[in-house]
Amino acid sequence: MGWWEVSADTLAGSRFAISPLAETLATLKTLHRGTAAHPGADVLTRGAQLSRGGWTAALAGMRPGMRWLGANRLQITADDHPPRGLDGARLLFVPVTPQQSWVSWDVGPAPGQQRSAVVYPCSGVLAETGRVAAPEALGALLGPARAGVLVLLGAPKSTTQLVALTGQGLGSVGRHLKVLLDARLAGRRRAGRSVLYFRTEAGEALVAAQCDG
């Protein structure tokens, strides 16, 4: 199998990078279909997996044959290739919208300028197909439209996705988001050029309580 020797410093300095082209294509697909795998959502999801379960969880399902072996070893492919040392290299993980994956690295880089990248198909989805009905009790508490927005934030979404899914105007969605943010039921985070909204722990607990009831 082929694997990379990744030093602790390289791993600590590695990051997820969003391609502007991939982000634009995902946004256009969302406007057309109302749903699309989105690099920003993928990065947020894998970041959460990394904090909860380490690199083993964050790299799960990223590309065929790839997994964290431990002991500073990252398996890139199940094929038989000689190992590569990445000590001091800059390591990037780049989600893209095509269902393809590949790895790349600099050939003959200047000292201290080595870069390696894993390009993989993003799996984070900003919007599910169809509209999700909010529980009746949650709608009575927050109002049906605002409750519907909170339910949809089970996966990170932009205002573009929320407008497409709810059928509400941009101004209405923005007002609902402001109320949810002020109530700390929702949070927001920038991912590339997009701002994505998501449910906080308080928001998750509120929705779960209504759904369980």
N, C-alpha and C. Protein backbone atom coordinates (compact mmCIF):
# COMPACT_ATOMS: atom_id res chain seq x y z
N MET A 1 0.84 -1.19 0.00
CA MET A 1 0.00 0.00 0.00
C MET A 1 0.87 1.24 0.00
N GLY A 2 0.34 2.34 -0.48
CA GLY A 2 1.07 3.59 -0.50
C GLY A 2 0.71 4.47 0.68
N TRP A 3 1.73 4.98 1.38
CA TRP A 3 1.43 5.85 2.52
C TRP A 3 2.44 6.98 2.61
N TRP A 4 2.03 8.04 3.31
CA TRP A 4 2.88 9.20 3.54
C TRP A 4 3.30 9.24 4.99
N GLU A 5 4.57 9.51 5.22
CA GLU A 5 5.08 9.72 6.58
C GLU A 5 4.83 11.19 6.93
N VAL A 6 3.92 11.42 7.86
CA VAL A 6 3.49 12.78 8.20
C VAL A 6 3.98 13.12 9.60
N SER A 7 4.85 14.11 9.71
CA SER A 7 5.35 14.50 11.02
C SER A 7 4.26 15.18 11.82
N ALA A 8 4.46 15.27 13.12
CA ALA A 8 3.48 15.92 14.00
C ALA A 8 3.31 17.38 13.62
N ASP A 9 4.40 18.06 13.26
CA ASP A 9 4.31 19.47 12.87
C ASP A 9 3.53 19.64 11.57
N THR A 10 3.77 18.74 10.62
CA THR A 10 3.05 18.80 9.35
C THR A 10 1.56 18.57 9.57
N LEU A 11 1.24 17.59 10.39
CA LEU A 11 -0.16 17.27 10.65
C LEU A 11 -0.86 18.42 11.38
N ALA A 12 -0.16 19.02 12.34
CA ALA A 12 -0.74 20.14 13.09
C ALA A 12 -0.97 21.35 12.18
N GLY A 13 -0.13 21.51 11.16
CA GLY A 13 -0.27 22.65 10.26
C GLY A 13 -1.12 22.38 9.04
N SER A 14 -1.61 21.15 8.87
CA SER A 14 -2.43 20.82 7.71
C SER A 14 -3.78 21.51 7.83
N ARG A 15 -4.43 21.71 6.70
CA ARG A 15 -5.73 22.37 6.74
C ARG A 15 -6.57 21.96 5.54
N PHE A 16 -7.87 22.22 5.67
CA PHE A 16 -8.80 22.01 4.57
C PHE A 16 -8.86 23.31 3.77
N ALA A 17 -8.79 23.21 2.47
CA ALA A 17 -8.83 24.39 1.60
C ALA A 17 -9.99 24.25 0.61
N ILE A 18 -10.69 25.35 0.38
CA ILE A 18 -11.84 25.33 -0.51
C ILE A 18 -11.48 25.99 -1.83
N SER A 19 -11.70 25.27 -2.92
CA SER A 19 -11.47 25.81 -4.25
C SER A 19 -12.59 26.78 -4.63
N PRO A 20 -12.28 28.02 -5.01
CA PRO A 20 -13.33 28.96 -5.42
C PRO A 20 -14.18 28.42 -6.56
N LEU A 21 -13.56 27.70 -7.51
CA LEU A 21 -14.32 27.13 -8.63
C LEU A 21 -15.30 26.08 -8.13
N ALA A 22 -14.84 25.19 -7.23
CA ALA A 22 -15.74 24.15 -6.69
C ALA A 22 -16.88 24.78 -5.92
N GLU A 23 -16.59 25.84 -5.18
CA GLU A 23 -17.63 26.52 -4.40
C GLU A 23 -18.66 27.16 -5.33
N THR A 24 -18.19 27.78 -6.41
CA THR A 24 -19.11 28.42 -7.37
C THR A 24 -19.99 27.39 -8.05
N LEU A 25 -19.41 26.26 -8.48
CA LEU A 25 -20.19 25.22 -9.14
C LEU A 25 -21.26 24.66 -8.20
N ALA A 26 -20.90 24.47 -6.92
CA ALA A 26 -21.87 23.94 -5.96
C ALA A 26 -23.02 24.92 -5.75
N THR A 27 -22.70 26.21 -5.71
CA THR A 27 -23.75 27.22 -5.54
C THR A 27 -24.69 27.25 -6.72
N LEU A 28 -24.14 27.14 -7.94
CA LEU A 28 -24.98 27.14 -9.14
C LEU A 28 -25.88 25.91 -9.16
N LYS A 29 -25.36 24.76 -8.76
CA LYS A 29 -26.18 23.55 -8.70
C LYS A 29 -27.31 23.70 -7.70
N THR A 30 -27.01 24.35 -6.58
CA THR A 30 -28.03 24.55 -5.57
C THR A 30 -29.13 25.47 -6.07
N LEU A 31 -28.76 26.54 -6.75
CA LEU A 31 -29.75 27.45 -7.30
C LEU A 31 -30.64 26.75 -8.31
N HIS A 32 -30.05 25.80 -9.04
CA HIS A 32 -30.80 25.10 -10.09
C HIS A 32 -31.67 23.98 -9.51
N ARG A 33 -31.13 23.22 -8.54
CA ARG A 33 -31.81 22.02 -8.05
C ARG A 33 -32.28 22.13 -6.61
N GLY A 34 -31.79 23.14 -5.86
CA GLY A 34 -32.16 23.25 -4.47
C GLY A 34 -31.30 22.41 -3.54
N THR A 35 -30.41 21.59 -4.09
CA THR A 35 -29.53 20.75 -3.27
C THR A 35 -28.24 20.48 -4.02
N ALA A 36 -27.15 20.37 -3.29
CA ALA A 36 -25.86 20.07 -3.90
C ALA A 36 -24.85 19.77 -2.81
N ALA A 37 -23.95 18.83 -3.09
CA ALA A 37 -22.81 18.63 -2.20
C ALA A 37 -21.97 19.90 -2.27
N HIS A 38 -21.57 20.40 -1.13
CA HIS A 38 -20.90 21.70 -1.09
C HIS A 38 -19.59 21.61 -0.32
N PRO A 39 -18.49 22.14 -0.87
CA PRO A 39 -17.20 22.07 -0.17
C PRO A 39 -17.24 22.68 1.21
N GLY A 40 -17.96 23.80 1.37
CA GLY A 40 -18.02 24.45 2.67
C GLY A 40 -18.65 23.57 3.72
N ALA A 41 -19.75 22.90 3.37
CA ALA A 41 -20.42 22.01 4.31
C ALA A 41 -19.52 20.82 4.64
N ASP A 42 -18.79 20.33 3.64
CA ASP A 42 -17.89 19.20 3.87
C ASP A 42 -16.80 19.57 4.87
N VAL A 43 -16.23 20.77 4.70
CA VAL A 43 -15.15 21.21 5.59
C VAL A 43 -15.66 21.36 7.03
N LEU A 44 -16.86 21.93 7.19
CA LEU A 44 -17.43 22.07 8.53
C LEU A 44 -17.69 20.72 9.17
N THR A 45 -18.22 19.78 8.37
CA THR A 45 -18.52 18.45 8.88
C THR A 45 -17.25 17.72 9.30
N ARG A 46 -16.23 17.77 8.46
CA ARG A 46 -14.99 17.06 8.78
C ARG A 46 -14.25 17.73 9.93
N GLY A 47 -14.38 19.05 10.04
CA GLY A 47 -13.77 19.73 11.17
C GLY A 47 -14.39 19.27 12.49
N ALA A 48 -15.70 19.09 12.49
CA ALA A 48 -16.38 18.57 13.69
C ALA A 48 -15.95 17.14 13.97
N GLN A 49 -15.82 16.32 12.92
CA GLN A 49 -15.37 14.94 13.10
C GLN A 49 -13.96 14.90 13.66
N LEU A 50 -13.10 15.81 13.20
CA LEU A 50 -11.72 15.87 13.67
C LEU A 50 -11.68 16.18 15.16
N SER A 51 -12.51 17.14 15.60
CA SER A 51 -12.50 17.51 17.02
C SER A 51 -13.05 16.40 17.90
N ARG A 52 -13.98 15.60 17.37
CA ARG A 52 -14.60 14.54 18.17
C ARG A 52 -13.80 13.24 18.14
N GLY A 53 -13.30 12.86 16.96
CA GLY A 53 -12.69 11.54 16.83
C GLY A 53 -11.29 11.52 16.25
N GLY A 54 -10.65 12.69 16.12
CA GLY A 54 -9.30 12.74 15.59
C GLY A 54 -9.26 12.51 14.09
N TRP A 55 -8.04 12.29 13.58
CA TRP A 55 -7.88 12.16 12.13
C TRP A 55 -8.51 10.89 11.59
N THR A 56 -8.61 9.86 12.39
CA THR A 56 -9.28 8.63 11.93
C THR A 56 -10.70 8.93 11.50
N ALA A 57 -11.42 9.74 12.30
CA ALA A 57 -12.80 10.10 11.98
C ALA A 57 -12.87 11.10 10.84
N ALA A 58 -11.97 12.08 10.84
CA ALA A 58 -12.03 13.14 9.82
C ALA A 58 -11.74 12.61 8.42
N LEU A 59 -10.89 11.58 8.31
CA LEU A 59 -10.50 11.06 7.00
C LEU A 59 -11.39 9.92 6.52
N ALA A 60 -12.32 9.49 7.37
CA ALA A 60 -13.18 8.36 7.01
C ALA A 60 -14.00 8.67 5.76
N GLY A 61 -13.92 7.79 4.77
CA GLY A 61 -14.70 7.95 3.56
C GLY A 61 -14.25 9.06 2.64
N MET A 62 -13.07 9.61 2.88
CA MET A 62 -12.61 10.73 2.05
C MET A 62 -12.32 10.27 0.62
N ARG A 63 -11.60 9.18 0.47
CA ARG A 63 -11.32 8.61 -0.85
C ARG A 63 -11.02 7.14 -0.68
N PRO A 64 -11.27 6.32 -1.72
CA PRO A 64 -11.04 4.87 -1.60
C PRO A 64 -9.60 4.55 -1.21
N GLY A 65 -9.43 3.67 -0.24
CA GLY A 65 -8.11 3.22 0.17
C GLY A 65 -7.39 4.13 1.13
N MET A 66 -8.00 5.27 1.48
CA MET A 66 -7.32 6.24 2.34
C MET A 66 -7.79 6.10 3.77
N ARG A 67 -6.83 6.06 4.71
CA ARG A 67 -7.17 6.03 6.13
C ARG A 67 -5.96 6.37 6.95
N TRP A 68 -6.21 6.79 8.18
CA TRP A 68 -5.13 7.14 9.10
C TRP A 68 -4.65 5.87 9.78
N LEU A 69 -3.35 5.56 9.65
CA LEU A 69 -2.80 4.33 10.21
C LEU A 69 -2.24 4.53 11.61
N GLY A 70 -2.09 5.77 12.03
CA GLY A 70 -1.45 6.04 13.31
C GLY A 70 0.06 6.07 13.15
N ALA A 71 0.76 6.41 14.21
CA ALA A 71 2.23 6.46 14.19
C ALA A 71 2.73 7.34 13.05
N ASN A 72 2.05 8.47 12.85
CA ASN A 72 2.44 9.44 11.81
C ASN A 72 2.39 8.88 10.39
N ARG A 73 1.50 7.92 10.14
CA ARG A 73 1.38 7.35 8.80
C ARG A 73 -0.03 7.55 8.27
N LEU A 74 -0.12 8.13 7.09
CA LEU A 74 -1.38 8.37 6.40
C LEU A 74 -1.41 7.52 5.14
N GLN A 75 -2.28 6.50 5.11
CA GLN A 75 -2.42 5.66 3.92
C GLN A 75 -3.18 6.43 2.86
N ILE A 76 -2.58 6.60 1.68
CA ILE A 76 -3.18 7.36 0.59
C ILE A 76 -3.93 6.45 -0.36
N THR A 77 -3.42 5.26 -0.58
CA THR A 77 -4.04 4.33 -1.51
C THR A 77 -3.74 2.90 -1.07
N ALA A 78 -4.60 1.98 -1.48
CA ALA A 78 -4.36 0.57 -1.19
C ALA A 78 -3.37 -0.03 -2.17
N ASP A 79 -3.05 0.70 -3.25
CA ASP A 79 -2.08 0.21 -4.23
C ASP A 79 -0.68 0.22 -3.62
N ASP A 80 0.20 -0.56 -4.24
CA ASP A 80 1.56 -0.71 -3.74
C ASP A 80 2.44 0.41 -4.30
N HIS A 81 2.75 1.39 -3.47
CA HIS A 81 3.64 2.49 -3.85
C HIS A 81 4.63 2.73 -2.71
N PRO A 82 5.82 3.20 -3.03
CA PRO A 82 6.79 3.48 -1.97
C PRO A 82 6.31 4.65 -1.10
N PRO A 83 6.65 4.63 0.19
CA PRO A 83 6.23 5.72 1.08
C PRO A 83 6.93 7.03 0.73
N ARG A 84 6.27 8.13 1.08
CA ARG A 84 6.84 9.46 0.87
C ARG A 84 6.91 10.17 2.22
N GLY A 85 8.01 10.85 2.46
CA GLY A 85 8.15 11.62 3.69
C GLY A 85 7.65 13.04 3.50
N LEU A 86 6.83 13.52 4.41
CA LEU A 86 6.27 14.86 4.31
C LEU A 86 6.76 15.76 5.44
N ASP A 87 7.90 15.47 6.02
CA ASP A 87 8.40 16.27 7.13
C ASP A 87 8.60 17.71 6.68
N GLY A 88 7.89 18.64 7.33
CA GLY A 88 8.03 20.06 7.00
C GLY A 88 7.20 20.50 5.81
N ALA A 89 6.44 19.59 5.20
CA ALA A 89 5.65 19.96 4.03
C ALA A 89 4.34 20.62 4.45
N ARG A 90 3.75 21.34 3.52
CA ARG A 90 2.43 21.91 3.73
C ARG A 90 1.40 20.93 3.16
N LEU A 91 0.50 20.44 4.00
CA LEU A 91 -0.46 19.42 3.59
C LEU A 91 -1.86 20.03 3.53
N LEU A 92 -2.51 19.87 2.38
CA LEU A 92 -3.85 20.41 2.17
C LEU A 92 -4.82 19.29 1.83
N PHE A 93 -6.06 19.44 2.30
CA PHE A 93 -7.16 18.57 1.91
C PHE A 93 -8.18 19.44 1.19
N VAL A 94 -8.46 19.11 -0.08
CA VAL A 94 -9.26 19.99 -0.93
C VAL A 94 -10.50 19.26 -1.43
N PRO A 95 -11.69 19.59 -0.93
CA PRO A 95 -12.93 18.98 -1.44
C PRO A 95 -13.36 19.63 -2.75
N VAL A 96 -13.81 18.80 -3.69
CA VAL A 96 -14.30 19.30 -4.98
C VAL A 96 -15.63 18.62 -5.30
N THR A 97 -16.37 19.20 -6.24
CA THR A 97 -17.70 18.66 -6.56
C THR A 97 -17.68 17.44 -7.49
N PRO A 98 -16.74 17.30 -8.45
CA PRO A 98 -16.75 16.07 -9.26
C PRO A 98 -16.47 14.85 -8.38
N GLN A 99 -17.03 13.71 -8.74
CA GLN A 99 -16.83 12.48 -7.97
C GLN A 99 -15.52 11.82 -8.38
N GLN A 100 -14.44 12.53 -8.19
CA GLN A 100 -13.10 12.03 -8.51
C GLN A 100 -12.16 12.44 -7.38
N SER A 101 -11.04 11.73 -7.27
CA SER A 101 -10.06 12.09 -6.26
C SER A 101 -8.66 11.82 -6.79
N TRP A 102 -7.71 12.57 -6.28
CA TRP A 102 -6.32 12.38 -6.66
C TRP A 102 -5.43 13.03 -5.62
N VAL A 103 -4.15 12.74 -5.68
CA VAL A 103 -3.18 13.36 -4.79
C VAL A 103 -2.14 14.07 -5.64
N SER A 104 -1.49 15.06 -5.07
CA SER A 104 -0.47 15.80 -5.82
C SER A 104 0.60 16.30 -4.86
N TRP A 105 1.78 16.56 -5.40
CA TRP A 105 2.87 17.11 -4.60
C TRP A 105 3.85 17.82 -5.51
N ASP A 106 4.63 18.70 -4.93
CA ASP A 106 5.63 19.43 -5.69
C ASP A 106 6.80 18.52 -6.04
N VAL A 107 7.30 18.68 -7.25
CA VAL A 107 8.48 17.93 -7.69
C VAL A 107 9.67 18.89 -7.66
N GLY A 108 10.67 18.56 -6.85
CA GLY A 108 11.85 19.40 -6.73
C GLY A 108 11.57 20.76 -6.15
N PRO A 109 10.82 20.86 -5.05
CA PRO A 109 10.52 22.18 -4.49
C PRO A 109 11.74 22.79 -3.81
N ALA A 110 11.70 24.10 -3.62
CA ALA A 110 12.75 24.77 -2.87
C ALA A 110 12.69 24.33 -1.41
N PRO A 111 13.79 24.39 -0.68
CA PRO A 111 13.79 23.96 0.73
C PRO A 111 12.71 24.68 1.53
N GLY A 112 11.93 23.90 2.26
CA GLY A 112 10.87 24.47 3.09
C GLY A 112 9.62 24.86 2.33
N GLN A 113 9.57 24.58 1.02
CA GLN A 113 8.42 24.97 0.20
C GLN A 113 7.62 23.78 -0.32
N GLN A 114 7.88 22.60 0.19
CA GLN A 114 7.18 21.42 -0.30
C GLN A 114 5.70 21.48 0.06
N ARG A 115 4.86 21.17 -0.92
CA ARG A 115 3.41 21.13 -0.70
C ARG A 115 2.86 19.81 -1.24
N SER A 116 1.92 19.25 -0.49
CA SER A 116 1.21 18.04 -0.92
C SER A 116 -0.27 18.26 -0.69
N ALA A 117 -1.09 17.64 -1.53
CA ALA A 117 -2.53 17.84 -1.42
C ALA A 117 -3.28 16.55 -1.70
N VAL A 118 -4.39 16.39 -1.00
CA VAL A 118 -5.33 15.31 -1.26
C VAL A 118 -6.61 15.97 -1.75
N VAL A 119 -6.98 15.73 -2.99
CA VAL A 119 -8.20 16.29 -3.58
C VAL A 119 -9.24 15.18 -3.59
N TYR A 120 -10.41 15.45 -3.03
CA TYR A 120 -11.40 14.39 -2.84
C TYR A 120 -12.81 14.91 -3.10
N PRO A 121 -13.75 14.04 -3.48
CA PRO A 121 -15.13 14.48 -3.72
C PRO A 121 -15.83 14.84 -2.41
N CYS A 122 -16.37 16.05 -2.34
CA CYS A 122 -17.01 16.46 -1.09
C CYS A 122 -18.31 15.71 -0.89
N SER A 123 -18.60 15.44 0.38
CA SER A 123 -19.81 14.71 0.71
C SER A 123 -20.76 15.53 1.56
N GLY A 124 -20.31 16.67 2.07
CA GLY A 124 -21.18 17.51 2.87
C GLY A 124 -22.25 18.15 2.02
N VAL A 125 -23.51 17.99 2.40
CA VAL A 125 -24.63 18.52 1.61
C VAL A 125 -25.28 19.66 2.36
N LEU A 126 -25.49 20.77 1.67
CA LEU A 126 -26.10 21.93 2.31
C LEU A 126 -27.61 21.81 2.39
N ALA A 127 -28.21 21.09 1.48
CA ALA A 127 -29.67 21.03 1.46
C ALA A 127 -30.13 19.65 1.06
N GLU A 128 -31.11 19.15 1.76
CA GLU A 128 -31.68 17.87 1.40
C GLU A 128 -32.75 18.08 0.34
N THR A 129 -33.04 17.02 -0.40
CA THR A 129 -34.08 17.12 -1.42
C THR A 129 -35.44 17.29 -0.75
N GLY A 130 -36.21 18.25 -1.21
CA GLY A 130 -37.55 18.47 -0.68
C GLY A 130 -37.53 19.33 0.56
N ARG A 131 -38.70 19.66 1.06
CA ARG A 131 -38.82 20.50 2.24
C ARG A 131 -39.17 19.65 3.44
N VAL A 132 -38.64 20.04 4.59
CA VAL A 132 -38.87 19.30 5.82
C VAL A 132 -39.88 20.05 6.66
N ALA A 133 -40.93 19.37 7.05
CA ALA A 133 -41.95 20.01 7.86
C ALA A 133 -41.49 20.09 9.30
N ALA A 134 -41.71 21.25 9.93
CA ALA A 134 -41.35 21.43 11.33
C ALA A 134 -42.41 20.78 12.21
N PRO A 135 -42.01 20.20 13.34
CA PRO A 135 -43.00 19.65 14.27
C PRO A 135 -44.02 20.72 14.66
N GLU A 136 -45.26 20.31 14.84
CA GLU A 136 -46.34 21.27 15.12
C GLU A 136 -46.07 22.08 16.39
N ALA A 137 -45.58 21.42 17.43
CA ALA A 137 -45.32 22.11 18.69
C ALA A 137 -44.20 23.13 18.53
N LEU A 138 -43.20 22.80 17.73
CA LEU A 138 -42.09 23.73 17.49
C LEU A 138 -42.58 24.93 16.69
N GLY A 139 -43.49 24.67 15.75
CA GLY A 139 -44.08 25.76 14.98
C GLY A 139 -44.90 26.69 15.85
N ALA A 140 -45.61 26.13 16.84
CA ALA A 140 -46.39 26.97 17.75
C ALA A 140 -45.49 27.83 18.62
N LEU A 141 -44.31 27.30 18.94
CA LEU A 141 -43.38 28.03 19.81
C LEU A 141 -42.65 29.15 19.07
N LEU A 142 -42.14 28.85 17.89
CA LEU A 142 -41.31 29.81 17.16
C LEU A 142 -42.04 30.48 16.00
N GLY A 143 -43.15 29.91 15.60
CA GLY A 143 -43.79 30.31 14.36
C GLY A 143 -43.40 29.31 13.30
N PRO A 144 -44.34 28.90 12.44
CA PRO A 144 -44.06 27.84 11.48
C PRO A 144 -42.87 28.12 10.56
N ALA A 145 -42.77 29.34 10.05
CA ALA A 145 -41.70 29.65 9.10
C ALA A 145 -40.33 29.61 9.78
N ARG A 146 -40.23 30.20 10.96
CA ARG A 146 -38.95 30.22 11.67
C ARG A 146 -38.57 28.82 12.15
N ALA A 147 -39.57 28.06 12.59
CA ALA A 147 -39.30 26.69 13.01
C ALA A 147 -38.79 25.86 11.84
N GLY A 148 -39.35 26.10 10.65
CA GLY A 148 -38.89 25.38 9.47
C GLY A 148 -37.44 25.68 9.15
N VAL A 149 -37.02 26.93 9.33
CA VAL A 149 -35.62 27.30 9.11
C VAL A 149 -34.72 26.57 10.10
N LEU A 150 -35.13 26.55 11.37
CA LEU A 150 -34.32 25.88 12.39
C LEU A 150 -34.18 24.39 12.09
N VAL A 151 -35.26 23.75 11.65
CA VAL A 151 -35.20 22.33 11.32
C VAL A 151 -34.23 22.08 10.18
N LEU A 152 -34.24 22.95 9.19
CA LEU A 152 -33.36 22.78 8.03
C LEU A 152 -31.89 22.95 8.38
N LEU A 153 -31.61 23.62 9.50
CA LEU A 153 -30.22 23.86 9.88
C LEU A 153 -29.58 22.65 10.56
N GLY A 154 -30.22 21.49 10.46
CA GLY A 154 -29.60 20.26 10.95
C GLY A 154 -28.30 19.97 10.21
N ALA A 155 -28.18 20.44 8.97
CA ALA A 155 -26.93 20.42 8.22
C ALA A 155 -26.63 21.86 7.84
N PRO A 156 -25.36 22.27 7.81
CA PRO A 156 -25.02 23.67 7.52
C PRO A 156 -25.60 24.13 6.19
N LYS A 157 -26.13 25.33 6.17
CA LYS A 157 -26.73 25.87 4.95
C LYS A 157 -26.48 27.36 4.83
N SER A 158 -26.45 27.83 3.61
CA SER A 158 -26.34 29.26 3.35
C SER A 158 -27.74 29.84 3.18
N THR A 159 -27.83 31.17 3.14
CA THR A 159 -29.13 31.80 2.92
C THR A 159 -29.68 31.41 1.55
N THR A 160 -28.80 31.19 0.57
CA THR A 160 -29.25 30.78 -0.76
C THR A 160 -30.02 29.47 -0.70
N GLN A 161 -29.46 28.48 0.03
CA GLN A 161 -30.14 27.20 0.17
C GLN A 161 -31.46 27.34 0.93
N LEU A 162 -31.45 28.14 1.97
CA LEU A 162 -32.66 28.30 2.78
C LEU A 162 -33.78 28.96 1.99
N VAL A 163 -33.44 29.94 1.17
CA VAL A 163 -34.44 30.58 0.31
C VAL A 163 -35.01 29.56 -0.67
N ALA A 164 -34.12 28.75 -1.28
CA ALA A 164 -34.56 27.76 -2.26
C ALA A 164 -35.45 26.70 -1.63
N LEU A 165 -35.12 26.29 -0.40
CA LEU A 165 -35.86 25.20 0.24
C LEU A 165 -37.17 25.66 0.86
N THR A 166 -37.20 26.84 1.43
CA THR A 166 -38.39 27.29 2.13
C THR A 166 -39.38 28.02 1.24
N GLY A 167 -38.88 28.59 0.14
CA GLY A 167 -39.76 29.41 -0.71
C GLY A 167 -39.99 30.80 -0.14
N GLN A 168 -39.32 31.12 0.97
CA GLN A 168 -39.44 32.45 1.55
C GLN A 168 -38.48 33.41 0.86
N GLY A 169 -38.75 34.70 0.99
CA GLY A 169 -37.86 35.69 0.43
C GLY A 169 -36.58 35.81 1.23
N LEU A 170 -35.57 36.42 0.62
CA LEU A 170 -34.28 36.57 1.28
C LEU A 170 -34.41 37.39 2.56
N GLY A 171 -35.23 38.44 2.54
CA GLY A 171 -35.42 39.26 3.72
C GLY A 171 -36.04 38.50 4.87
N SER A 172 -37.03 37.67 4.57
CA SER A 172 -37.69 36.87 5.60
C SER A 172 -36.72 35.86 6.21
N VAL A 173 -35.97 35.19 5.37
CA VAL A 173 -35.00 34.22 5.86
C VAL A 173 -33.96 34.92 6.74
N GLY A 174 -33.51 36.08 6.30
CA GLY A 174 -32.53 36.83 7.07
C GLY A 174 -33.07 37.22 8.45
N ARG A 175 -34.34 37.63 8.51
CA ARG A 175 -34.92 38.00 9.81
C ARG A 175 -35.04 36.78 10.73
N HIS A 176 -35.45 35.65 10.16
CA HIS A 176 -35.54 34.44 10.98
C HIS A 176 -34.16 34.04 11.51
N LEU A 177 -33.15 34.13 10.67
CA LEU A 177 -31.80 33.78 11.09
C LEU A 177 -31.31 34.70 12.20
N LYS A 178 -31.61 35.97 12.10
CA LYS A 178 -31.19 36.92 13.13
C LYS A 178 -31.80 36.57 14.48
N VAL A 179 -33.09 36.25 14.48
CA VAL A 179 -33.75 35.87 15.73
C VAL A 179 -33.13 34.60 16.30
N LEU A 180 -32.88 33.62 15.44
CA LEU A 180 -32.29 32.36 15.90
C LEU A 180 -30.86 32.57 16.41
N LEU A 181 -30.12 33.45 15.76
CA LEU A 181 -28.77 33.77 16.22
C LEU A 181 -28.82 34.47 17.57
N ASP A 182 -29.71 35.45 17.70
CA ASP A 182 -29.83 36.19 18.97
C ASP A 182 -30.24 35.27 20.11
N ALA A 183 -31.07 34.27 19.79
CA ALA A 183 -31.52 33.32 20.80
C ALA A 183 -30.50 32.20 21.03
N ARG A 184 -29.41 32.23 20.30
CA ARG A 184 -28.36 31.23 20.39
C ARG A 184 -28.85 29.82 20.06
N LEU A 185 -29.86 29.78 19.21
CA LEU A 185 -30.32 28.50 18.69
C LEU A 185 -29.60 28.13 17.41
N ALA A 186 -28.98 29.12 16.79
CA ALA A 186 -28.23 28.92 15.54
C ALA A 186 -26.91 29.67 15.64
N GLY A 187 -25.94 29.20 14.89
CA GLY A 187 -24.65 29.85 14.79
C GLY A 187 -24.28 30.00 13.33
N ARG A 188 -23.22 30.71 13.06
CA ARG A 188 -22.76 30.88 11.68
C ARG A 188 -21.25 30.83 11.63
N ARG A 189 -20.75 30.41 10.47
CA ARG A 189 -19.32 30.28 10.28
C ARG A 189 -19.01 30.49 8.81
N ARG A 190 -17.92 31.18 8.54
CA ARG A 190 -17.52 31.38 7.14
C ARG A 190 -16.77 30.16 6.65
N ALA A 191 -17.12 29.72 5.45
CA ALA A 191 -16.44 28.60 4.79
C ALA A 191 -16.14 29.05 3.36
N GLY A 192 -14.90 29.43 3.10
CA GLY A 192 -14.57 30.00 1.79
C GLY A 192 -15.26 31.34 1.63
N ARG A 193 -16.01 31.48 0.54
CA ARG A 193 -16.73 32.74 0.30
C ARG A 193 -18.16 32.69 0.81
N SER A 194 -18.56 31.57 1.37
CA SER A 194 -19.93 31.41 1.86
C SER A 194 -19.99 31.57 3.37
N VAL A 195 -21.13 32.03 3.86
CA VAL A 195 -21.44 32.03 5.29
C VAL A 195 -22.49 30.95 5.51
N LEU A 196 -22.17 29.97 6.32
CA LEU A 196 -23.06 28.85 6.57
C LEU A 196 -23.65 28.95 7.97
N TYR A 197 -24.93 28.63 8.08
CA TYR A 197 -25.64 28.66 9.35
C TYR A 197 -25.90 27.23 9.81
N PHE A 198 -25.90 27.01 11.11
CA PHE A 198 -26.07 25.67 11.65
C PHE A 198 -26.74 25.77 13.01
N ARG A 199 -27.30 24.66 13.46
CA ARG A 199 -27.91 24.62 14.78
C ARG A 199 -26.84 24.51 15.86
N THR A 200 -26.99 25.28 16.94
CA THR A 200 -26.12 25.14 18.09
C THR A 200 -26.60 23.96 18.93
N GLU A 201 -25.90 23.69 20.03
CA GLU A 201 -26.33 22.61 20.92
C GLU A 201 -27.72 22.90 21.47
N ALA A 202 -27.99 24.18 21.78
CA ALA A 202 -29.32 24.55 22.28
C ALA A 202 -30.38 24.31 21.21
N GLY A 203 -30.04 24.65 19.96
CA GLY A 203 -30.98 24.42 18.87
C GLY A 203 -31.22 22.95 18.63
N GLU A 204 -30.16 22.15 18.71
CA GLU A 204 -30.29 20.71 18.53
C GLU A 204 -31.20 20.13 19.62
N ALA A 205 -30.99 20.58 20.86
CA ALA A 205 -31.79 20.06 21.97
C ALA A 205 -33.26 20.41 21.81
N LEU A 206 -33.53 21.64 21.35
CA LEU A 206 -34.92 22.07 21.17
C LEU A 206 -35.62 21.25 20.09
N VAL A 207 -34.96 21.06 18.97
CA VAL A 207 -35.57 20.30 17.88
C VAL A 207 -35.74 18.83 18.28
N ALA A 208 -34.71 18.28 18.95
CA ALA A 208 -34.78 16.87 19.36
C ALA A 208 -35.92 16.65 20.35
N ALA A 209 -36.13 17.60 21.25
CA ALA A 209 -37.20 17.45 22.23
C ALA A 209 -38.56 17.42 21.57
N GLN A 210 -38.75 18.25 20.54
CA GLN A 210 -40.03 18.28 19.85
C GLN A 210 -40.23 17.03 19.00
N CYS A 211 -39.16 16.60 18.36
CA CYS A 211 -39.27 15.40 17.51
C CYS A 211 -39.50 14.16 18.33
N ASP A 212 -38.84 14.08 19.50
CA ASP A 212 -39.01 12.91 20.36
C ASP A 212 -40.40 12.88 21.00
N GLY A 213 -40.94 14.10 21.21
CA GLY A 213 -42.26 14.15 21.84
C GLY A 213 -43.37 13.78 20.89
